[in-house]
């Protein structure tokens, strides 16, 4: 039986309330169109979570199917799978084509209809895998595929006023999640229960701030003892013990945007060596925030902070870079790798960038003061310096938590 290639969901309800204004979304799409015009690109096919979300306000659920967002000089259209019904059309700022599963090439048929006679098509070289690239070359013989991942990232790195307001409200909610963590901490309580309380608290607050928004992907990592040695270690059912080093990591997610609050804490008490190391890490954190000013180079910031650790013979315990850009990203997708506080990143800070300061050292388990120490604030670079939009306290005066 011959079945249809596409389904029309354009009348299935009304368009959803967008996360950002029409002017903001049009600005994003037009900025990409300008890049296309300047570089002789006829059409762009985005395939990643972060770019589809950034340019369309649509966050897809992949489940093994392909999604896309095609921008041409006149149109902007998401490509979604039939399993999602009308949700992609309702969320997309632009048009939508929904393809069915009845033929394996329906996705590419949708792309072909949208790009028309394009001879140069932009794709994301850092996201398109070999399988998809080979299929694109097979489906579009004679077409030249060029990279738009790096230019798109650069456009995302400078946040608009609307984005900064969005991120600022999310950061307020992260602080609420941190307070919920502290509220739930007690000797004998599991990491799991602390994390659940924090996450539920943040989701309820997100629903108040964005009553029309989708609620997905907000999470908390809460680590104790040995589990603090990695920044991304998952939650377990380990029970908190007296004297444990603790780490709270609160991550509200709203419309594909991610923010973070991360803090070192202790249960009831901390040893002298734990206190010494914690104090050093807080000093690095303080100095790092002072360095986040327009005109500063990411690599220079990293090297100066390295000197503080080195003076205390702790540099060998540093785990990763000192911070990174915030915006459309998540632990599953996205990264603005051009804006990271690392020795190998020479990006110069500009007003409108949003970046974290998050120094971390991990002391091996066989040494005094063992565990992972990490403080994390989010800062918006402005013309004079920065605005720290994280308000949650840190250090021994605040975060030795008693039951």
Protein backbone atom coordinates (compact mmCIF):
# COMPACT_ATOMS: atom_id res chain seq x y z
CA UNK A 1 0.00 0.00 0.00
CA UNK A 2 1.36 3.42 -0.94
CA UNK A 3 1.27 5.84 2.00
CA UNK A 4 1.75 9.60 2.17
CA UNK A 5 5.21 11.09 2.74
CA UNK A 6 4.01 13.99 4.87
CA UNK A 7 1.28 14.88 7.36
CA UNK A 8 -0.16 18.34 7.88
CA UNK A 9 -0.47 19.41 11.52
CA UNK A 10 -0.59 23.14 10.81
CA UNK A 11 -4.22 23.39 11.97
CA UNK A 12 -3.83 21.22 15.07
CA UNK A 13 -4.33 23.91 17.69
CA UNK A 14 -2.90 27.39 17.94
CA UNK A 15 0.77 28.35 17.88
CA UNK A 16 2.33 28.11 21.36
CA UNK A 17 3.49 31.20 23.21
CA UNK A 18 7.10 31.67 22.15
CA UNK A 19 9.87 31.84 24.71
CA UNK A 20 11.15 35.03 23.09
CA UNK A 21 9.53 37.83 21.13
CA UNK A 22 8.96 37.67 17.39
CA UNK A 23 11.51 40.46 16.97
CA UNK A 24 14.14 38.44 18.85
CA UNK A 25 13.52 35.27 16.83
CA UNK A 26 13.53 37.21 13.57
CA UNK A 27 16.82 38.81 14.57
CA UNK A 28 18.38 35.38 15.06
CA UNK A 29 17.20 34.04 11.72
CA UNK A 30 18.19 37.21 9.89
CA UNK A 31 21.67 37.11 11.43
CA UNK A 32 22.11 33.68 9.87
CA UNK A 33 20.71 34.95 6.57
CA UNK A 34 23.31 37.72 6.59
CA UNK A 35 26.04 35.11 7.05
CA UNK A 36 24.53 33.12 4.18
CA UNK A 37 24.47 36.15 1.88
CA UNK A 38 28.02 37.15 2.79
CA UNK A 39 29.32 33.63 2.11
CA UNK A 40 27.25 32.62 -0.91
CA UNK A 41 25.27 29.94 0.98
CA UNK A 42 21.88 29.20 -0.61
CA UNK A 43 20.31 27.32 2.32
CA UNK A 44 21.20 26.08 5.79
CA UNK A 45 20.15 22.73 7.24
CA UNK A 46 20.55 22.68 11.01
CA UNK A 47 20.40 19.23 12.61
CA UNK A 48 21.59 19.79 16.20
CA UNK A 49 19.47 20.31 19.29
CA UNK A 50 21.12 23.62 20.12
CA UNK A 51 20.86 25.33 16.75
CA UNK A 52 17.35 24.11 15.97
CA UNK A 53 16.28 25.34 19.38
CA UNK A 54 18.13 28.65 19.07
CA UNK A 55 16.79 29.53 15.62
CA UNK A 56 13.34 27.92 15.85
CA UNK A 57 12.45 27.83 19.59
CA UNK A 58 11.73 24.11 19.10
CA UNK A 59 13.46 21.47 21.22
CA UNK A 60 12.94 18.08 19.63
CA UNK A 61 12.88 14.57 21.12
CA UNK A 62 15.07 12.51 18.82
CA UNK A 63 14.39 8.87 19.70
CA UNK A 64 16.39 7.67 16.68
CA UNK A 65 14.71 9.91 14.09
CA UNK A 66 16.15 12.85 12.18
CA UNK A 67 15.09 16.45 12.72
CA UNK A 68 16.07 19.63 10.98
CA UNK A 69 15.54 23.34 10.55
CA UNK A 70 16.03 24.80 7.09
CA UNK A 71 16.69 28.51 6.62
CA UNK A 72 16.58 30.01 3.14
CA UNK A 73 16.45 33.63 2.04
CA UNK A 74 12.65 33.65 2.35
CA UNK A 75 11.61 30.82 4.66
CA UNK A 76 12.42 29.09 7.94
CA UNK A 77 10.97 25.60 8.37
CA UNK A 78 11.38 22.84 10.93
CA UNK A 79 11.37 19.20 9.84
CA UNK A 80 9.87 16.81 12.37
CA UNK A 81 8.72 13.20 12.65
CA UNK A 82 5.05 12.27 12.61
CA UNK A 83 5.26 10.68 16.05
CA UNK A 84 5.35 14.21 17.55
CA UNK A 85 2.01 15.28 16.12
CA UNK A 86 1.46 19.02 16.05
CA UNK A 87 3.83 19.99 18.87
CA UNK A 88 6.75 20.87 16.53
CA UNK A 89 4.51 23.12 14.42
CA UNK A 90 3.10 24.81 17.52
CA UNK A 91 6.57 25.48 18.95
CA UNK A 92 8.42 26.51 15.77
CA UNK A 93 8.95 30.16 14.96
CA UNK A 94 8.36 29.61 11.27
CA UNK A 95 6.82 26.85 9.24
CA UNK A 96 6.89 23.08 9.70
CA UNK A 97 7.01 19.95 7.59
CA UNK A 98 6.12 16.65 9.27
CA UNK A 99 7.36 13.50 7.59
CA UNK A 100 6.04 9.98 8.07
CA UNK A 101 7.83 6.68 8.67
CA UNK A 102 6.34 5.00 5.60
CA UNK A 103 9.50 5.44 3.50
CA UNK A 104 13.08 5.71 4.69
CA UNK A 105 13.91 8.70 2.51
CA UNK A 106 11.01 10.91 3.61
CA UNK A 107 13.28 13.13 5.71
CA UNK A 108 15.52 13.82 2.71
CA UNK A 109 12.49 14.36 0.51
CA UNK A 110 11.43 17.09 2.95
CA UNK A 111 14.88 18.68 2.83
CA UNK A 112 14.85 18.56 -0.98
CA UNK A 113 11.49 20.34 -1.14
CA UNK A 114 12.75 23.08 1.16
CA UNK A 115 16.20 23.79 -0.29
CA UNK A 116 15.04 23.69 -3.93
CA UNK A 117 17.85 24.30 -6.40
CA UNK A 118 20.41 25.25 -3.75
CA UNK A 119 23.99 24.58 -4.83
CA UNK A 120 25.74 25.48 -1.57
CA UNK A 121 24.12 24.19 1.62
CA UNK A 122 25.35 24.93 5.10
CA UNK A 123 25.45 22.07 7.60
CA UNK A 124 27.03 21.61 11.02
CA UNK A 125 30.37 19.86 10.58
CA UNK A 126 30.64 19.30 14.34
CA UNK A 127 27.27 17.52 14.48
CA UNK A 128 26.66 15.75 11.16
CA UNK A 129 28.02 12.20 11.45
CA UNK A 130 29.53 10.22 8.61
CA UNK A 131 26.31 8.32 7.96
CA UNK A 132 24.24 11.49 7.57
CA UNK A 133 26.94 13.20 5.51
CA UNK A 134 27.12 10.28 3.08
CA UNK A 135 23.34 10.23 2.75
CA UNK A 136 23.25 13.96 2.09
CA UNK A 137 25.91 13.63 -0.60
CA UNK A 138 23.98 10.76 -2.16
CA UNK A 139 20.65 12.59 -2.07
CA UNK A 140 22.10 15.89 -3.32
CA UNK A 141 24.70 15.15 -6.01
CA UNK A 142 26.49 18.24 -7.23
CA UNK A 143 25.72 20.21 -4.05
CA UNK A 144 28.60 21.66 -2.05
CA UNK A 145 28.21 21.31 1.71
CA UNK A 146 29.90 24.00 3.81
CA UNK A 147 30.27 24.42 7.55
CA UNK A 148 27.97 26.77 9.46
CA UNK A 149 28.55 25.32 12.94
CA UNK A 150 31.36 27.72 13.85
CA UNK A 151 29.61 30.86 12.53
CA UNK A 152 26.37 29.86 14.26
CA UNK A 153 28.24 29.37 17.54
CA UNK A 154 29.79 32.83 17.28
CA UNK A 155 26.37 34.36 16.72
CA UNK A 156 25.01 32.54 19.79
CA UNK A 157 27.90 33.66 22.02
CA UNK A 158 26.71 37.27 22.26
CA UNK A 159 23.40 37.22 24.14
CA UNK A 160 20.55 39.62 23.48
CA UNK A 161 18.82 41.57 26.25
CA UNK A 162 15.96 39.06 26.12
CA UNK A 163 18.34 36.14 26.49
CA UNK A 164 20.11 37.76 29.42
CA UNK A 165 16.77 38.37 31.15
CA UNK A 166 15.82 34.73 30.54
CA UNK A 167 19.13 33.44 31.91
CA UNK A 168 18.93 35.77 34.90
CA UNK A 169 15.51 34.46 35.91
CA UNK A 170 16.74 30.89 35.53
CA UNK A 171 19.74 31.68 37.73
CA UNK A 172 17.37 32.93 40.43
CA UNK A 173 15.63 29.57 40.24
CA UNK A 174 18.96 27.74 40.50
CA UNK A 175 19.56 29.61 43.77
CA UNK A 176 16.17 28.34 44.99
CA UNK A 177 17.26 24.81 44.08
CA UNK A 178 20.44 25.31 46.09
CA UNK A 179 18.45 26.40 49.13
CA UNK A 180 16.28 23.29 48.73
CA UNK A 181 19.41 21.12 48.72
CA UNK A 182 20.63 22.69 51.96
CA UNK A 183 17.17 22.26 53.46
CA UNK A 184 17.21 18.53 52.70
CA UNK A 185 20.79 17.77 53.81
CA UNK A 186 21.07 15.69 56.96
CA UNK A 187 23.36 12.91 58.18
CA UNK A 188 21.74 9.63 57.13
CA UNK A 189 19.83 11.16 54.20
CA UNK A 190 20.64 9.79 50.74
CA UNK A 191 22.01 11.81 47.85
CA UNK A 192 18.91 10.72 45.95
CA UNK A 193 16.46 12.36 48.34
CA UNK A 194 18.37 15.64 48.45
CA UNK A 195 18.46 15.78 44.64
CA UNK A 196 14.77 14.94 44.27
CA UNK A 197 13.75 17.71 46.67
CA UNK A 198 15.88 20.25 44.83
CA UNK A 199 14.64 19.27 41.38
CA UNK A 200 10.98 19.29 42.35
CA UNK A 201 11.38 22.72 43.95
CA UNK A 202 12.95 24.15 40.80
CA UNK A 203 10.34 22.64 38.46
CA UNK A 204 7.52 24.17 40.50
CA UNK A 205 9.22 27.58 40.37
CA UNK A 206 9.81 27.27 36.61
CA UNK A 207 6.09 26.60 36.16
CA UNK A 208 5.31 29.85 38.01
CA UNK A 209 7.68 31.91 35.89
CA UNK A 210 6.80 30.29 32.55
CA UNK A 211 3.20 29.05 32.87
CA UNK A 212 3.01 28.44 29.11
CA UNK A 213 6.39 26.72 28.92
CA UNK A 214 7.26 23.07 28.52
CA UNK A 215 8.67 21.40 31.63
CA UNK A 216 11.55 19.09 30.82
CA UNK A 217 15.12 18.20 31.65
CA UNK A 218 15.63 20.14 34.90
CA UNK A 219 17.88 18.11 37.18
CA UNK A 220 20.12 18.11 40.25
CA UNK A 221 23.38 16.30 40.90
CA UNK A 222 24.06 16.04 44.60
CA UNK A 223 27.29 14.25 45.54
CA UNK A 224 28.83 13.24 48.85
CA UNK A 225 32.20 11.92 50.00
CA UNK A 226 34.14 10.12 47.30
CA UNK A 227 31.38 10.88 44.78
CA UNK A 228 32.40 14.56 44.76
CA UNK A 229 35.60 13.80 42.83
CA UNK A 230 33.94 14.43 39.44
CA UNK A 231 31.85 17.43 38.47
CA UNK A 232 29.42 15.29 36.47
CA UNK A 233 29.12 12.26 38.73
CA UNK A 234 25.53 11.01 38.87
CA UNK A 235 23.34 10.84 41.94
CA UNK A 236 23.48 7.64 44.00
CA UNK A 237 21.73 6.27 47.07
CA UNK A 238 24.79 6.82 49.27
CA UNK A 239 23.88 8.14 52.72
CA UNK A 240 25.48 11.34 54.00
CA UNK A 241 27.95 10.82 56.87
CA UNK A 242 29.14 13.32 59.45
CA UNK A 243 32.17 15.24 58.16
CA UNK A 244 31.40 14.43 54.52
CA UNK A 245 32.42 16.85 51.82
CA UNK A 246 29.32 17.56 49.71
CA UNK A 247 28.63 19.13 46.32
CA UNK A 248 25.34 20.57 45.14
CA UNK A 249 24.76 21.06 41.42
CA UNK A 250 21.40 22.59 40.46
CA UNK A 251 20.45 22.80 36.78
CA UNK A 252 17.12 24.35 35.84
CA UNK A 253 16.32 23.91 32.14
CA UNK A 254 13.91 26.26 30.40
CA UNK A 255 13.29 26.17 26.64
CA UNK A 256 16.62 24.43 26.03
CA UNK A 257 18.58 26.98 28.07
CA UNK A 258 20.74 25.76 30.92
CA UNK A 259 22.13 27.48 33.98
CA UNK A 260 23.99 26.06 36.94
CA UNK A 261 24.60 26.62 40.63
CA UNK A 262 27.41 24.55 42.15
CA UNK A 263 28.71 24.74 45.70
CA UNK A 264 31.00 22.91 48.11
CA UNK A 265 29.41 22.04 51.46
CA UNK A 266 30.15 19.89 54.51
CA UNK A 267 27.92 17.80 56.72
CA UNK A 268 28.12 19.00 60.34
CA UNK A 269 31.88 19.64 60.37
CA UNK A 270 35.03 19.90 58.26
CA UNK A 271 38.61 18.91 59.07
CA UNK A 272 41.37 21.52 59.21
CA UNK A 273 42.77 20.39 55.87
CA UNK A 274 39.34 20.43 54.26
CA UNK A 275 38.88 23.98 55.52
CA UNK A 276 42.28 25.06 54.18
CA UNK A 277 41.64 23.66 50.72
CA UNK A 278 38.11 25.02 50.61
CA UNK A 279 39.38 28.48 51.49
CA UNK A 280 41.98 28.36 48.70
CA UNK A 281 39.38 27.35 46.15
CA UNK A 282 37.11 30.19 47.25
CA UNK A 283 40.02 32.63 46.83
CA UNK A 284 40.55 31.38 43.26
CA UNK A 285 36.83 31.80 42.69
CA UNK A 286 36.90 35.38 44.00
CA UNK A 287 39.91 36.34 41.88
CA UNK A 288 38.43 34.68 38.82
CA UNK A 289 35.29 36.78 39.02
CA UNK A 290 37.40 39.93 39.17
CA UNK A 291 39.12 38.93 35.93
CA UNK A 292 35.93 38.54 33.90
CA UNK A 293 35.91 41.93 32.21
CA UNK A 294 35.61 43.07 28.58
CA UNK A 295 38.91 42.86 26.74
CA UNK A 296 40.27 40.02 28.87
CA UNK A 297 41.49 36.94 27.01
CA UNK A 298 40.19 33.54 28.18
CA UNK A 299 43.63 31.95 28.08
CA UNK A 300 45.19 34.76 30.13
CA UNK A 301 42.53 34.37 32.82
CA UNK A 302 43.22 30.64 33.04
CA UNK A 303 46.97 31.18 33.34
CA UNK A 304 46.63 33.77 36.12
CA UNK A 305 44.37 31.49 38.14
CA UNK A 306 46.79 28.62 37.57
CA UNK A 307 49.41 30.67 39.42
CA UNK A 308 47.29 30.78 42.57
CA UNK A 309 46.89 27.01 42.61
CA UNK A 310 50.56 26.52 41.76
CA UNK A 311 51.63 28.73 44.68
CA UNK A 312 49.78 26.33 46.98
CA UNK A 313 51.11 23.20 45.19
CA UNK A 314 47.58 22.36 44.05
CA UNK A 315 47.67 22.95 40.29
CA UNK A 316 48.05 19.23 39.61
CA UNK A 317 44.63 18.70 41.21
CA UNK A 318 42.79 21.11 38.90
CA UNK A 319 40.18 19.14 36.97
CA UNK A 320 39.07 21.23 33.97
CA UNK A 321 38.75 24.77 32.63
CA UNK A 322 37.64 27.64 34.86
CA UNK A 323 34.31 28.35 33.18
CA UNK A 324 32.29 28.38 29.97
CA UNK A 325 29.57 30.13 28.04
CA UNK A 326 25.91 29.76 28.95
CA UNK A 327 22.89 29.69 26.68
CA UNK A 328 21.36 26.86 24.65
CA UNK A 329 23.18 23.85 26.04
CA UNK A 330 22.66 20.87 28.28
CA UNK A 331 24.49 17.78 29.51
CA UNK A 332 23.02 16.00 26.47
CA UNK A 333 23.66 18.59 23.77
CA UNK A 334 25.29 21.84 22.83
CA UNK A 335 28.48 23.67 23.71
CA UNK A 336 29.83 27.08 22.81
CA UNK A 337 33.39 25.82 22.78
CA UNK A 338 34.71 29.14 21.55
CA UNK A 339 34.08 30.69 24.95
CA UNK A 340 35.81 28.60 27.61
CA UNK A 341 38.27 29.69 30.27
CA UNK A 342 41.12 27.42 29.20
CA UNK A 343 44.75 27.86 28.28
CA UNK A 344 44.02 26.93 24.66
CA UNK A 345 41.13 29.39 24.12
CA UNK A 346 42.15 32.90 23.04
CA UNK A 347 38.66 34.40 22.76
CA UNK A 348 38.46 37.96 24.08
CA UNK A 349 35.53 38.71 26.38
CA UNK A 350 32.90 41.11 25.05
CA UNK A 351 29.79 42.74 26.52
CA UNK A 352 26.80 40.45 26.11
CA UNK A 353 28.71 37.26 26.79
CA UNK A 354 27.46 35.11 29.68
CA UNK A 355 30.11 32.97 31.34
CA UNK A 356 30.71 31.01 34.52
CA UNK A 357 33.53 31.10 37.00
CA UNK A 358 33.87 27.58 38.39
CA UNK A 359 37.29 26.61 39.74
CA UNK A 360 37.61 23.00 40.88
CA UNK A 361 40.28 20.90 42.48
CA UNK A 362 39.99 17.19 43.27
CA UNK A 363 42.15 15.81 46.08
CA UNK A 364 42.67 12.02 45.81
CA UNK A 365 40.95 9.84 48.37
CA UNK A 366 44.18 8.73 50.10
CA UNK A 367 45.22 12.29 51.00
CA UNK A 368 44.04 14.57 53.81
CA UNK A 369 41.23 16.86 52.69
CA UNK A 370 40.10 14.38 50.02
CA UNK A 371 37.23 15.28 47.72
CA UNK A 372 36.15 17.69 45.04
CA UNK A 373 35.89 21.43 45.71
CA UNK A 374 33.89 23.52 43.28
CA UNK A 375 32.21 26.93 43.41
CA UNK A 376 30.21 28.21 40.46
CA UNK A 377 28.73 31.63 39.65
CA UNK A 378 27.29 32.97 36.38
CA UNK A 379 28.35 36.41 35.21
CA UNK A 380 27.18 38.69 32.40
CA UNK A 381 29.94 40.72 30.78
CA UNK A 382 29.00 44.40 30.49
CA UNK A 383 30.78 47.55 29.27
CA UNK A 384 32.41 48.23 32.66
CA UNK A 385 33.05 44.71 33.97
CA UNK A 386 30.45 42.13 34.85
CA UNK A 387 27.16 41.52 36.63
CA UNK A 388 27.17 38.46 38.88
CA UNK A 389 23.63 37.07 38.60
CA UNK A 390 24.27 34.23 41.09
CA UNK A 391 23.31 35.22 44.64
CA UNK A 392 23.73 31.96 46.58
CA UNK A 393 26.39 32.19 49.32
CA UNK A 394 29.54 30.08 49.47
CA UNK A 395 32.32 29.23 51.89
CA UNK A 396 32.64 27.92 55.42
CA UNK A 397 30.63 30.70 57.02
CA UNK A 398 27.51 29.58 55.15
CA UNK A 399 27.76 25.97 54.03
CA UNK A 400 28.79 23.75 56.92
CA UNK A 401 25.31 22.29 57.20
CA UNK A 402 23.90 21.04 60.49
CA UNK A 403 20.90 18.72 60.64
